[in-house]
Amino acid sequence: MHGDTEVTPYGLGTYGSRSTPVSGAATALVARKVRERAPIVASAMLEVSPDDLSWDKGPPARWHVKRDPEKGETFQDIAMAAHGAVELPKGSRPASTPRSSAPRGSESVRPSAPHRRS
């Protein structure tokens, strides 16, 4: 395991710059899922519809009720509640349910593969 100082005291690098394409793509996928899910969790916490919420970049970053900006929840509180501290609407999955897997086939990232013309 390269670069993990908890496992090995010395790493040799990432070879071919694979780190950013692979971990960056995973980070982007998760960020999109968080952006979709956060207002659902916040709406359950605040007992309103997701359409009644507005995003405030802060600080602190939070979702608040459009008609009552004092009524809101911070991003940190929403993240903690997503793990079971609030009853989510029917059909919503708990945060611990796996929802993603690595892309396969033509969608996978091959940063060190040679380029070819289509």
PDB file of N, CA and C in Angstrom:
ATOM      1  N   MET A   1       0.859  -1.167   0.000  1.00  0.00           N
ATOM      2  CA  MET A   1       0.000   0.000   0.000  1.00  0.00           C
ATOM      3  C   MET A   1       0.905   1.229   0.000  1.00  0.00           C
ATOM      4  N   HIS A   2       0.936   1.948  -1.093  1.00  0.00           N
ATOM      5  CA  HIS A   2       1.804   3.108  -1.228  1.00  0.00           C
ATOM      6  C   HIS A   2       1.172   4.355  -0.639  1.00  0.00           C
ATOM      7  N   GLY A   3       1.962   5.131   0.072  1.00  0.00           N
ATOM      8  CA  GLY A   3       1.535   6.425   0.556  1.00  0.00           C
ATOM      9  C   GLY A   3       0.718   6.413   1.833  1.00  0.00           C
ATOM     10  N   ASP A   4       0.416   5.257   2.398  1.00  0.00           N
ATOM     11  CA  ASP A   4      -0.348   5.188   3.638  1.00  0.00           C
ATOM     12  C   ASP A   4       0.625   5.001   4.791  1.00  0.00           C
ATOM     13  N   THR A   5       0.928   6.078   5.493  1.00  0.00           N
ATOM     14  CA  THR A   5       1.928   6.016   6.558  1.00  0.00           C
ATOM     15  C   THR A   5       1.437   5.259   7.786  1.00  0.00           C
ATOM     16  N   GLU A   6       0.152   4.924   7.843  1.00  0.00           N
ATOM     17  CA  GLU A   6      -0.344   4.089   8.943  1.00  0.00           C
ATOM     18  C   GLU A   6       0.057   2.637   8.712  1.00  0.00           C
ATOM     19  N   VAL A   7       0.231   2.245   7.452  1.00  0.00           N
ATOM     20  CA  VAL A   7       0.535   0.861   7.116  1.00  0.00           C
ATOM     21  C   VAL A   7       2.027   0.666   6.855  1.00  0.00           C
ATOM     22  N   THR A   8       2.634   1.608   6.195  1.00  0.00           N
ATOM     23  CA  THR A   8       4.050   1.493   5.846  1.00  0.00           C
ATOM     24  C   THR A   8       4.746   2.829   6.117  1.00  0.00           C
ATOM     25  N   PRO A   9       5.945   2.804   6.652  1.00  0.00           N
ATOM     26  CA  PRO A   9       6.613   4.064   6.980  1.00  0.00           C
ATOM     27  C   PRO A   9       7.114   4.836   5.756  1.00  0.00           C
ATOM     28  N   TYR A  10       7.221   4.179   4.606  1.00  0.00           N
ATOM     29  CA  TYR A  10       7.760   4.838   3.425  1.00  0.00           C
ATOM     30  C   TYR A  10       6.984   4.399   2.201  1.00  0.00           C
ATOM     31  N   GLY A  11       6.513   5.359   1.421  1.00  0.00           N
ATOM     32  CA  GLY A  11       5.804   5.049   0.192  1.00  0.00           C
ATOM     33  C   GLY A  11       6.641   5.455  -1.004  1.00  0.00           C
ATOM     34  N   LEU A  12       6.466   4.763  -2.104  1.00  0.00           N
ATOM     35  CA  LEU A  12       7.260   5.025  -3.298  1.00  0.00           C
ATOM     36  C   LEU A  12       6.576   5.937  -4.307  1.00  0.00           C
ATOM     37  N   GLY A  13       5.376   6.369  -4.029  1.00  0.00           N
ATOM     38  CA  GLY A  13       4.678   7.260  -4.960  1.00  0.00           C
ATOM     39  C   GLY A  13       3.482   6.581  -5.592  1.00  0.00           C
ATOM     40  N   THR A  14       2.873   7.272  -6.536  1.00  0.00           N
ATOM     41  CA  THR A  14       1.647   6.757  -7.128  1.00  0.00           C
ATOM     42  C   THR A  14       1.832   6.191  -8.527  1.00  0.00           C
ATOM     43  N   TYR A  15       2.985   6.360  -9.128  1.00  0.00           N
ATOM     44  CA  TYR A  15       3.284   5.786 -10.445  1.00  0.00           C
ATOM     45  C   TYR A  15       2.248   6.146 -11.504  1.00  0.00           C
ATOM     46  N   GLY A  16       2.578   7.019 -12.366  1.00  0.00           N
ATOM     47  CA  GLY A  16       1.700   7.361 -13.483  1.00  0.00           C
ATOM     48  C   GLY A  16       0.529   8.244 -13.099  1.00  0.00           C
ATOM     49  N   SER A  17       0.598   8.890 -11.974  1.00  0.00           N
ATOM     50  CA  SER A  17      -0.441   9.829 -11.532  1.00  0.00           C
ATOM     51  C   SER A  17      -1.837   9.217 -11.506  1.00  0.00           C
ATOM     52  N   ARG A  18      -1.945   8.009 -10.992  1.00  0.00           N
ATOM     53  CA  ARG A  18      -3.257   7.355 -10.907  1.00  0.00           C
ATOM     54  C   ARG A  18      -4.104   7.926  -9.786  1.00  0.00           C
ATOM     55  N   SER A  19      -3.485   8.517  -8.794  1.00  0.00           N
ATOM     56  CA  SER A  19      -4.230   8.943  -7.606  1.00  0.00           C
ATOM     57  C   SER A  19      -5.360   9.911  -7.921  1.00  0.00           C
ATOM     58  N   THR A  20      -5.080  10.975  -8.632  1.00  0.00           N
ATOM     59  CA  THR A  20      -6.107  11.981  -8.883  1.00  0.00           C
ATOM     60  C   THR A  20      -7.233  11.461  -9.773  1.00  0.00           C
ATOM     61  N   PRO A  21      -6.947  10.797 -10.897  1.00  0.00           N
ATOM     62  CA  PRO A  21      -8.074  10.313 -11.709  1.00  0.00           C
ATOM     63  C   PRO A  21      -8.968   9.321 -10.977  1.00  0.00           C
ATOM     64  N   VAL A  22      -8.378   8.437 -10.198  1.00  0.00           N
ATOM     65  CA  VAL A  22      -9.184   7.420  -9.529  1.00  0.00           C
ATOM     66  C   VAL A  22      -9.875   7.992  -8.292  1.00  0.00           C
ATOM     67  N   SER A  23      -9.107   8.579  -7.383  1.00  0.00           N
ATOM     68  CA  SER A  23      -9.725   9.096  -6.159  1.00  0.00           C
ATOM     69  C   SER A  23     -10.540  10.354  -6.447  1.00  0.00           C
ATOM     70  N   GLY A  24     -10.131  11.149  -7.407  1.00  0.00           N
ATOM     71  CA  GLY A  24     -10.897  12.346  -7.763  1.00  0.00           C
ATOM     72  C   GLY A  24     -12.261  11.992  -8.331  1.00  0.00           C
ATOM     73  N   ALA A  25     -12.313  10.960  -9.178  1.00  0.00           N
ATOM     74  CA  ALA A  25     -13.590  10.522  -9.741  1.00  0.00           C
ATOM     75  C   ALA A  25     -14.493   9.967  -8.644  1.00  0.00           C
ATOM     76  N   ALA A  26     -13.922   9.213  -7.723  1.00  0.00           N
ATOM     77  CA  ALA A  26     -14.712   8.671  -6.605  1.00  0.00           C
ATOM     78  C   ALA A  26     -15.238   9.798  -5.728  1.00  0.00           C
ATOM     79  N   THR A  27     -14.408  10.786  -5.472  1.00  0.00           N
ATOM     80  CA  THR A  27     -14.818  11.929  -4.655  1.00  0.00           C
ATOM     81  C   THR A  27     -15.958  12.691  -5.325  1.00  0.00           C
ATOM     82  N   ALA A  28     -15.866  12.882  -6.638  1.00  0.00           N
ATOM     83  CA  ALA A  28     -16.926  13.578  -7.375  1.00  0.00           C
ATOM     84  C   ALA A  28     -18.244  12.808  -7.314  1.00  0.00           C
ATOM     85  N   LEU A  29     -18.192  11.477  -7.449  1.00  0.00           N
ATOM     86  CA  LEU A  29     -19.408  10.665  -7.358  1.00  0.00           C
ATOM     87  C   LEU A  29     -20.059  10.800  -5.987  1.00  0.00           C
ATOM     88  N   VAL A  30     -19.262  10.706  -4.945  1.00  0.00           N
ATOM     89  CA  VAL A  30     -19.794  10.796  -3.583  1.00  0.00           C
ATOM     90  C   VAL A  30     -20.345  12.193  -3.313  1.00  0.00           C
ATOM     91  N   ALA A  31     -19.646  13.222  -3.783  1.00  0.00           N
ATOM     92  CA  ALA A  31     -20.117  14.600  -3.575  1.00  0.00           C
ATOM     93  C   ALA A  31     -21.484  14.808  -4.219  1.00  0.00           C
ATOM     94  N   ARG A  32     -21.696  14.233  -5.412  1.00  0.00           N
ATOM     95  CA  ARG A  32     -23.000  14.354  -6.070  1.00  0.00           C
ATOM     96  C   ARG A  32     -24.090  13.669  -5.252  1.00  0.00           C
ATOM     97  N   LYS A  33     -23.764  12.504  -4.699  1.00  0.00           N
ATOM     98  CA  LYS A  33     -24.748  11.784  -3.881  1.00  0.00           C
ATOM     99  C   LYS A  33     -25.063  12.554  -2.601  1.00  0.00           C
ATOM    100  N   VAL A  34     -24.056  13.162  -1.992  1.00  0.00           N
ATOM    101  CA  VAL A  34     -24.279  13.964  -0.788  1.00  0.00           C
ATOM    102  C   VAL A  34     -25.152  15.168  -1.119  1.00  0.00           C
ATOM    103  N   ARG A  35     -24.869  15.826  -2.250  1.00  0.00           N
ATOM    104  CA  ARG A  35     -25.648  16.994  -2.666  1.00  0.00           C
ATOM    105  C   ARG A  35     -27.116  16.623  -2.883  1.00  0.00           C
ATOM    106  N   GLU A  36     -27.383  15.416  -3.398  1.00  0.00           N
ATOM    107  CA  GLU A  36     -28.759  14.969  -3.609  1.00  0.00           C
ATOM    108  C   GLU A  36     -29.431  14.578  -2.296  1.00  0.00           C
ATOM    109  N   ARG A  37     -28.662  13.972  -1.394  1.00  0.00           N
ATOM    110  CA  ARG A  37     -29.235  13.409  -0.172  1.00  0.00           C
ATOM    111  C   ARG A  37     -29.385  14.421   0.968  1.00  0.00           C
ATOM    112  N   ALA A  38     -28.496  15.384   1.071  1.00  0.00           N
ATOM    113  CA  ALA A  38     -28.500  16.325   2.198  1.00  0.00           C
ATOM    114  C   ALA A  38     -29.836  17.044   2.377  1.00  0.00           C
ATOM    115  N   PRO A  39     -30.455  17.567   1.316  1.00  0.00           N
ATOM    116  CA  PRO A  39     -31.740  18.236   1.537  1.00  0.00           C
ATOM    117  C   PRO A  39     -32.852  17.284   1.975  1.00  0.00           C
ATOM    118  N   ILE A  40     -32.751  16.011   1.621  1.00  0.00           N
ATOM    119  CA  ILE A  40     -33.755  15.038   2.063  1.00  0.00           C
ATOM    120  C   ILE A  40     -33.634  14.829   3.568  1.00  0.00           C
ATOM    121  N   VAL A  41     -32.408  14.662   4.040  1.00  0.00           N
ATOM    122  CA  VAL A  41     -32.173  14.473   5.478  1.00  0.00           C
ATOM    123  C   VAL A  41     -32.544  15.745   6.237  1.00  0.00           C
ATOM    124  N   ALA A  42     -32.104  16.901   5.723  1.00  0.00           N
ATOM    125  CA  ALA A  42     -32.414  18.174   6.384  1.00  0.00           C
ATOM    126  C   ALA A  42     -33.921  18.402   6.458  1.00  0.00           C
ATOM    127  N   SER A  43     -34.628  18.060   5.394  1.00  0.00           N
ATOM    128  CA  SER A  43     -36.078  18.272   5.402  1.00  0.00           C
ATOM    129  C   SER A  43     -36.743  17.383   6.450  1.00  0.00           C
ATOM    130  N   ALA A  44     -36.241  16.171   6.629  1.00  0.00           N
ATOM    131  CA  ALA A  44     -36.784  15.287   7.667  1.00  0.00           C
ATOM    132  C   ALA A  44     -36.491  15.860   9.058  1.00  0.00           C
ATOM    133  N   MET A  45     -35.302  16.405   9.233  1.00  0.00           N
ATOM    134  CA  MET A  45     -34.932  16.999  10.525  1.00  0.00           C
ATOM    135  C   MET A  45     -35.795  18.215  10.846  1.00  0.00           C
ATOM    136  N   LEU A  46     -36.072  19.030   9.823  1.00  0.00           N
ATOM    137  CA  LEU A  46     -36.807  20.283  10.011  1.00  0.00           C
ATOM    138  C   LEU A  46     -38.313  20.131   9.794  1.00  0.00           C
ATOM    139  N   GLU A  47     -38.730  18.923   9.413  1.00  0.00           N
ATOM    140  CA  GLU A  47     -40.137  18.605   9.187  1.00  0.00           C
ATOM    141  C   GLU A  47     -40.784  19.515   8.145  1.00  0.00           C
ATOM    142  N   VAL A  48     -40.085  19.660   7.018  1.00  0.00           N
ATOM    143  CA  VAL A  48     -40.594  20.419   5.878  1.00  0.00           C
ATOM    144  C   VAL A  48     -40.282  19.631   4.608  1.00  0.00           C
ATOM    145  N   SER A  49     -40.798  20.086   3.499  1.00  0.00           N
ATOM    146  CA  SER A  49     -40.480  19.480   2.200  1.00  0.00           C
ATOM    147  C   SER A  49     -39.095  19.940   1.758  1.00  0.00           C
ATOM    148  N   PRO A  50     -38.344  19.099   1.030  1.00  0.00           N
ATOM    149  CA  PRO A  50     -37.049  19.548   0.500  1.00  0.00           C
ATOM    150  C   PRO A  50     -37.169  20.812  -0.359  1.00  0.00           C
ATOM    151  N   ASP A  51     -38.332  21.002  -1.006  1.00  0.00           N
ATOM    152  CA  ASP A  51     -38.549  22.195  -1.833  1.00  0.00           C
ATOM    153  C   ASP A  51     -38.637  23.476  -0.998  1.00  0.00           C
ATOM    154  N   ASP A  52     -38.885  23.323   0.298  1.00  0.00           N
ATOM    155  CA  ASP A  52     -38.994  24.485   1.186  1.00  0.00           C
ATOM    156  C   ASP A  52     -37.651  24.892   1.783  1.00  0.00           C
ATOM    157  N   LEU A  53     -36.566  24.247   1.345  1.00  0.00           N
ATOM    158  CA  LEU A  53     -35.243  24.530   1.918  1.00  0.00           C
ATOM    159  C   LEU A  53     -34.391  25.362   0.980  1.00  0.00           C
ATOM    160  N   SER A  54     -33.454  26.067   1.585  1.00  0.00           N
ATOM    161  CA  SER A  54     -32.490  26.863   0.839  1.00  0.00           C
ATOM    162  C   SER A  54     -31.098  26.596   1.419  1.00  0.00           C
ATOM    163  N   TRP A  55     -30.075  26.581   0.566  1.00  0.00           N
ATOM    164  CA  TRP A  55     -28.695  26.325   0.973  1.00  0.00           C
ATOM    165  C   TRP A  55     -28.014  27.636   1.331  1.00  0.00           C
ATOM    166  N   ASP A  56     -27.349  27.657   2.458  1.00  0.00           N
ATOM    167  CA  ASP A  56     -26.595  28.823   2.908  1.00  0.00           C
ATOM    168  C   ASP A  56     -25.148  28.393   3.080  1.00  0.00           C
ATOM    169  N   LYS A  57     -24.241  28.993   2.291  1.00  0.00           N
ATOM    170  CA  LYS A  57     -22.834  28.602   2.328  1.00  0.00           C
ATOM    171  C   LYS A  57     -22.155  28.934   3.649  1.00  0.00           C
ATOM    172  N   GLY A  58     -22.777  29.809   4.423  1.00  0.00           N
ATOM    173  CA  GLY A  58     -22.258  30.100   5.758  1.00  0.00           C
ATOM    174  C   GLY A  58     -21.118  31.084   5.783  1.00  0.00           C
ATOM    175  N   PRO A  59     -20.287  31.033   6.782  1.00  0.00           N
ATOM    176  CA  PRO A  59     -20.208  29.975   7.784  1.00  0.00           C
ATOM    177  C   PRO A  59     -21.253  30.149   8.863  1.00  0.00           C
ATOM    178  N   PRO A  60     -21.733  29.079   9.432  1.00  0.00           N
ATOM    179  CA  PRO A  60     -21.504  27.688   9.024  1.00  0.00           C
ATOM    180  C   PRO A  60     -22.418  27.310   7.860  1.00  0.00           C
ATOM    181  N   ALA A  61     -21.955  26.388   7.024  1.00  0.00           N
ATOM    182  CA  ALA A  61     -22.753  25.892   5.905  1.00  0.00           C
ATOM    183  C   ALA A  61     -23.961  25.154   6.469  1.00  0.00           C
ATOM    184  N   ARG A  62     -25.138  25.482   5.916  1.00  0.00           N
ATOM    185  CA  ARG A  62     -26.351  24.842   6.450  1.00  0.00           C
ATOM    186  C   ARG A  62     -27.505  24.951   5.470  1.00  0.00           C
ATOM    187  N   TRP A  63     -28.506  24.088   5.668  1.00  0.00           N
ATOM    188  CA  TRP A  63     -29.778  24.173   4.978  1.00  0.00           C
ATOM    189  C   TRP A  63     -30.747  24.848   5.925  1.00  0.00           C
ATOM    190  N   HIS A  64     -31.553  25.771   5.413  1.00  0.00           N
ATOM    191  CA  HIS A  64     -32.542  26.429   6.258  1.00  0.00           C
ATOM    192  C   HIS A  64     -33.871  26.539   5.520  1.00  0.00           C
ATOM    193  N   VAL A  65     -34.936  26.751   6.295  1.00  0.00           N
ATOM    194  CA  VAL A  65     -36.273  26.897   5.733  1.00  0.00           C
ATOM    195  C   VAL A  65     -36.342  28.261   5.046  1.00  0.00           C
ATOM    196  N   LYS A  66     -36.800  28.282   3.801  1.00  0.00           N
ATOM    197  CA  LYS A  66     -36.840  29.525   3.012  1.00  0.00           C
ATOM    198  C   LYS A  66     -37.603  30.645   3.715  1.00  0.00           C
ATOM    199  N   ARG A  67     -38.753  30.331   4.278  1.00  0.00           N
ATOM    200  CA  ARG A  67     -39.572  31.363   4.912  1.00  0.00           C
ATOM    201  C   ARG A  67     -39.152  31.680   6.340  1.00  0.00           C
ATOM    202  N   ASP A  68     -38.227  30.889   6.896  1.00  0.00           N
ATOM    203  CA  ASP A  68     -37.773  31.093   8.272  1.00  0.00           C
ATOM    204  C   ASP A  68     -36.282  30.781   8.358  1.00  0.00           C
ATOM    205  N   PRO A  69     -35.420  31.715   7.908  1.00  0.00           N
ATOM    206  CA  PRO A  69     -33.978  31.462   7.862  1.00  0.00           C
ATOM    207  C   PRO A  69     -33.340  31.113   9.208  1.00  0.00           C
ATOM    208  N   GLU A  70     -34.023  31.430  10.301  1.00  0.00           N
ATOM    209  CA  GLU A  70     -33.484  31.075  11.617  1.00  0.00           C
ATOM    210  C   GLU A  70     -33.603  29.572  11.873  1.00  0.00           C
ATOM    211  N   LYS A  71     -34.544  28.926  11.187  1.00  0.00           N
ATOM    212  CA  LYS A  71     -34.767  27.492  11.360  1.00  0.00           C
ATOM    213  C   LYS A  71     -33.925  26.740  10.336  1.00  0.00           C
ATOM    214  N   GLY A  72     -32.846  26.101  10.794  1.00  0.00           N
ATOM    215  CA  GLY A  72     -31.958  25.401   9.875  1.00  0.00           C
ATOM    216  C   GLY A  72     -31.095  24.383  10.597  1.00  0.00           C
ATOM    217  N   GLU A  73     -30.348  23.626   9.821  1.00  0.00           N
ATOM    218  CA  GLU A  73     -29.430  22.621  10.349  1.00  0.00           C
ATOM    219  C   GLU A  73     -28.099  22.747   9.630  1.00  0.00           C
ATOM    220  N   THR A  74     -27.003  22.620  10.390  1.00  0.00           N
ATOM    221  CA  THR A  74     -25.672  22.703   9.792  1.00  0.00           C
ATOM    222  C   THR A  74     -25.375  21.432   9.001  1.00  0.00           C
ATOM    223  N   PHE A  75     -24.444  21.554   8.099  1.00  0.00           N
ATOM    224  CA  PHE A  75     -24.029  20.421   7.286  1.00  0.00           C
ATOM    225  C   PHE A  75     -23.532  19.284   8.181  1.00  0.00           C
ATOM    226  N   GLN A  76     -22.800  19.614   9.245  1.00  0.00           N
ATOM    227  CA  GLN A  76     -22.290  18.599  10.166  1.00  0.00           C
ATOM    228  C   GLN A  76     -23.434  17.862  10.861  1.00  0.00           C
ATOM    229  N   ASP A  77     -24.454  18.594  11.313  1.00  0.00           N
ATOM    230  CA  ASP A  77     -25.594  17.964  11.983  1.00  0.00           C
ATOM    231  C   ASP A  77     -26.384  17.082  11.015  1.00  0.00           C
ATOM    232  N   ILE A  78     -26.490  17.526   9.777  1.00  0.00           N
ATOM    233  CA  ILE A  78     -27.184  16.735   8.756  1.00  0.00           C
ATOM    234  C   ILE A  78     -26.423  15.439   8.502  1.00  0.00           C
ATOM    235  N   ALA A  79     -25.103  15.523   8.416  1.00  0.00           N
ATOM    236  CA  ALA A  79     -24.281  14.327   8.185  1.00  0.00           C
ATOM    237  C   ALA A  79     -24.452  13.323   9.319  1.00  0.00           C
ATOM    238  N   MET A  80     -24.461  13.791  10.553  1.00  0.00           N
ATOM    239  CA  MET A  80     -24.636  12.891  11.689  1.00  0.00           C
ATOM    240  C   MET A  80     -26.045  12.285  11.692  1.00  0.00           C
ATOM    241  N   ALA A  81     -27.043  13.074  11.396  1.00  0.00           N
ATOM    242  CA  ALA A  81     -28.420  12.586  11.387  1.00  0.00           C
ATOM    243  C   ALA A  81     -28.637  11.557  10.288  1.00  0.00           C
ATOM    244  N   ALA A  82     -27.893  11.659   9.203  1.00  0.00           N
ATOM    245  CA  ALA A  82     -28.030  10.716   8.092  1.00  0.00           C
ATOM    246  C   ALA A  82     -27.689   9.291   8.498  1.00  0.00           C
ATOM    247  N   HIS A  83     -27.018   9.139   9.617  1.00  0.00           N
ATOM    248  CA  HIS A  83     -26.626   7.807  10.088  1.00  0.00           C
ATOM    249  C   HIS A  83     -27.622   7.221  11.077  1.00  0.00           C
ATOM    250  N   GLY A  84     -28.853   7.694  11.066  1.00  0.00           N
ATOM    251  CA  GLY A  84     -29.898   7.061  11.843  1.00  0.00           C
ATOM    252  C   GLY A  84     -30.526   7.893  12.935  1.00  0.00           C
ATOM    253  N   ALA A  85     -30.094   9.133  13.121  1.00  0.00           N
ATOM    254  CA  ALA A  85     -30.638   9.955  14.199  1.00  0.00           C
ATOM    255  C   ALA A  85     -31.968  10.606  13.838  1.00  0.00           C
ATOM    256  N   VAL A  86     -32.421  10.434  12.610  1.00  0.00           N
ATOM    257  CA  VAL A  86     -33.686  11.038  12.172  1.00  0.00           C
ATOM    258  C   VAL A  86     -34.426  10.016  11.311  1.00  0.00           C
ATOM    259  N   GLU A  87     -35.756  10.047  11.387  1.00  0.00           N
ATOM    260  CA  GLU A  87     -36.558   9.149  10.557  1.00  0.00           C
ATOM    261  C   GLU A  87     -36.689   9.764   9.167  1.00  0.00           C
ATOM    262  N   LEU A  88     -36.178   9.051   8.181  1.00  0.00           N
ATOM    263  CA  LEU A  88     -36.192   9.552   6.805  1.00  0.00           C
ATOM    264  C   LEU A  88     -37.517   9.219   6.125  1.00  0.00           C
ATOM    265  N   PRO A  89     -37.848   9.957   5.066  1.00  0.00           N
ATOM    266  CA  PRO A  89     -39.084   9.670   4.329  1.00  0.00           C
ATOM    267  C   PRO A  89     -39.075   8.238   3.777  1.00  0.00           C
ATOM    268  N   LYS A  90     -40.261   7.692   3.548  1.00  0.00           N
ATOM    269  CA  LYS A  90     -40.377   6.348   2.975  1.00  0.00           C
ATOM    270  C   LYS A  90     -39.602   6.275   1.669  1.00  0.00           C
ATOM    271  N   GLY A  91     -38.897   5.162   1.484  1.00  0.00           N
ATOM    272  CA  GLY A  91     -38.129   4.965   0.257  1.00  0.00           C
ATOM    273  C   GLY A  91     -36.700   5.435   0.345  1.00  0.00           C
ATOM    274  N   SER A  92     -36.352   6.205   1.371  1.00  0.00           N
ATOM    275  CA  SER A  92     -34.962   6.654   1.550  1.00  0.00           C
ATOM    276  C   SER A  92     -34.176   5.550   2.238  1.00  0.00           C
ATOM    277  N   ARG A  93     -32.944   5.377   1.795  1.00  0.00           N
ATOM    278  CA  ARG A  93     -32.093   4.362   2.397  1.00  0.00           C
ATOM    279  C   ARG A  93     -31.259   4.950   3.518  1.00  0.00           C
ATOM    280  N   PRO A  94     -30.936   4.160   4.540  1.00  0.00           N
ATOM    281  CA  PRO A  94     -30.033   4.654   5.581  1.00  0.00           C
ATOM    282  C   PRO A  94     -28.642   4.898   4.999  1.00  0.00           C
ATOM    283  N   ALA A  95     -27.876   5.757   5.630  1.00  0.00           N
ATOM    284  CA  ALA A  95     -26.561   6.143   5.120  1.00  0.00           C
ATOM    285  C   ALA A  95     -25.601   4.981   5.021  1.00  0.00           C
ATOM    286  N   SER A  96     -25.783   3.947   5.821  1.00  0.00           N
ATOM    287  CA  SER A  96     -24.834   2.842   5.818  1.00  0.00           C
ATOM    288  C   SER A  96     -25.056   1.865   4.666  1.00  0.00           C
ATOM    289  N   THR A  97     -26.123   2.035   3.892  1.00  0.00           N
ATOM    290  CA  THR A  97     -26.400   1.137   2.776  1.00  0.00           C
ATOM    291  C   THR A  97     -25.479   1.453   1.608  1.00  0.00           C
ATOM    292  N   PRO A  98     -24.672   0.482   1.150  1.00  0.00           N
ATOM    293  CA  PRO A  98     -23.793   0.755   0.006  1.00  0.00           C
ATOM    294  C   PRO A  98     -24.612   1.081  -1.235  1.00  0.00           C
ATOM    295  N   ARG A  99     -24.201   2.116  -1.970  1.00  0.00           N
ATOM    296  CA  ARG A  99     -24.954   2.533  -3.136  1.00  0.00           C
ATOM    297  C   ARG A  99     -24.097   2.684  -4.382  1.00  0.00           C
ATOM    298  N   SER A 100     -22.809   2.497  -4.271  1.00  0.00           N
ATOM    299  CA  SER A 100     -21.948   2.731  -5.424  1.00  0.00           C
ATOM    300  C   SER A 100     -20.929   1.613  -5.572  1.00  0.00           C
ATOM    301  N   SER A 101     -20.433   1.469  -6.767  1.00  0.00           N
ATOM    302  CA  SER A 101     -19.328   0.561  -7.015  1.00  0.00           C
ATOM    303  C   SER A 101     -18.451   1.193  -8.078  1.00  0.00           C
ATOM    304  N   ALA A 102     -17.264   0.676  -8.199  1.00  0.00           N
ATOM    305  CA  ALA A 102     -16.326   1.220  -9.180  1.00  0.00           C
ATOM    306  C   ALA A 102     -16.870   0.989 -10.584  1.00  0.00           C
ATOM    307  N   PRO A 103     -16.660   1.944 -11.485  1.00  0.00           N
ATOM    308  CA  PRO A 103     -17.115   1.746 -12.857  1.00  0.00           C
ATOM    309  C   PRO A 103     -16.350   0.610 -13.523  1.00  0.00           C
ATOM    310  N   ARG A 104     -16.974  -0.055 -14.448  1.00  0.00           N
ATOM    311  CA  ARG A 104     -16.346  -1.175 -15.132  1.00  0.00           C
ATOM    312  C   ARG A 104     -16.342  -0.936 -16.636  1.00  0.00           C
ATOM    313  N   GLY A 105     -15.505  -1.677 -17.312  1.00  0.00           N
ATOM    314  CA  GLY A 105     -15.477  -1.625 -18.768  1.00  0.00           C
ATOM    315  C   GLY A 105     -15.026  -0.281 -19.299  1.00  0.00           C
ATOM    316  N   SER A 106     -15.737   0.231 -20.278  1.00  0.00           N
ATOM    317  CA  SER A 106     -15.326   1.462 -20.949  1.00  0.00           C
ATOM    318  C   SER A 106     -15.412   2.685 -20.042  1.00  0.00           C
ATOM    319  N   GLU A 107     -16.157   2.575 -18.899  1.00  0.00           N
ATOM    320  CA  GLU A 107     -16.284   3.711 -17.992  1.00  0.00           C
ATOM    321  C   GLU A 107     -15.145   3.799 -16.988  1.00  0.00           C
ATOM    322  N   SER A 108     -14.313   2.762 -16.883  1.00  0.00           N
ATOM    323  CA  SER A 108     -13.261   2.758 -15.870  1.00  0.00           C
ATOM    324  C   SER A 108     -12.127   3.714 -16.247  1.00  0.00           C
ATOM    325  N   VAL A 109     -11.383   4.117 -15.250  1.00  0.00           N
ATOM    326  CA  VAL A 109     -10.283   5.055 -15.443  1.00  0.00           C
ATOM    327  C   VAL A 109      -8.998   4.272 -15.664  1.00  0.00           C
ATOM    328  N   ARG A 110      -8.296   4.588 -16.741  1.00  0.00           N
ATOM    329  CA  ARG A 110      -7.014   3.944 -17.034  1.00  0.00           C
ATOM    330  C   ARG A 110      -5.989   5.041 -17.330  1.00  0.00           C
ATOM    331  N   PRO A 111      -5.484   5.712 -16.276  1.00  0.00           N
ATOM    332  CA  PRO A 111      -4.613   6.851 -16.497  1.00  0.00           C
ATOM    333  C   PRO A 111      -3.278   6.520 -17.154  1.00  0.00           C
ATOM    334  N   SER A 112      -2.807   5.276 -17.036  1.00  0.00           N
ATOM    335  CA  SER A 112      -1.514   4.964 -17.640  1.00  0.00           C
ATOM    336  C   SER A 112      -1.659   4.201 -18.948  1.00  0.00           C
ATOM    337  N   ALA A 113      -2.888   4.015 -19.414  1.00  0.00           N
ATOM    338  CA  ALA A 113      -3.120   3.309 -20.671  1.00  0.00           C
ATOM    339  C   ALA A 113      -2.773   4.209 -21.857  1.00  0.00           C
ATOM    340  N   PRO A 114      -2.310   3.641 -22.949  1.00  0.00           N
ATOM    341  CA  PRO A 114      -2.018   4.472 -24.133  1.00  0.00           C
ATOM    342  C   PRO A 114      -3.303   5.045 -24.711  1.00  0.00           C
ATOM    343  N   HIS A 115      -3.198   6.200 -25.310  1.00  0.00           N
ATOM    344  CA  HIS A 115      -4.361   6.827 -25.935  1.00  0.00           C
ATOM    345  C   HIS A 115      -4.569   6.259 -27.322  1.00  0.00           C
ATOM    346  N   ARG A 116      -5.806   6.126 -27.730  1.00  0.00           N
ATOM    347  CA  ARG A 116      -6.088   5.664 -29.083  1.00  0.00           C
ATOM    348  C   ARG A 116      -7.187   6.515 -29.680  1.00  0.00           C
ATOM    349  N   ARG A 117      -7.158   6.627 -30.959  1.00  0.00           N
ATOM    350  CA  ARG A 117      -8.173   7.420 -31.641  1.00  0.00           C
ATOM    351  C   ARG A 117      -9.410   6.573 -31.891  1.00  0.00           C
ATOM    352  N   SER A 118     -10.559   7.219 -31.795  1.00  0.00           N
ATOM    353  CA  SER A 118     -11.829   6.505 -32.023  1.00  0.00           C
ATOM    354  C   SER A 118     -12.123   6.425 -33.489  1.00  0.00           C
TER     355      SER A 118
END
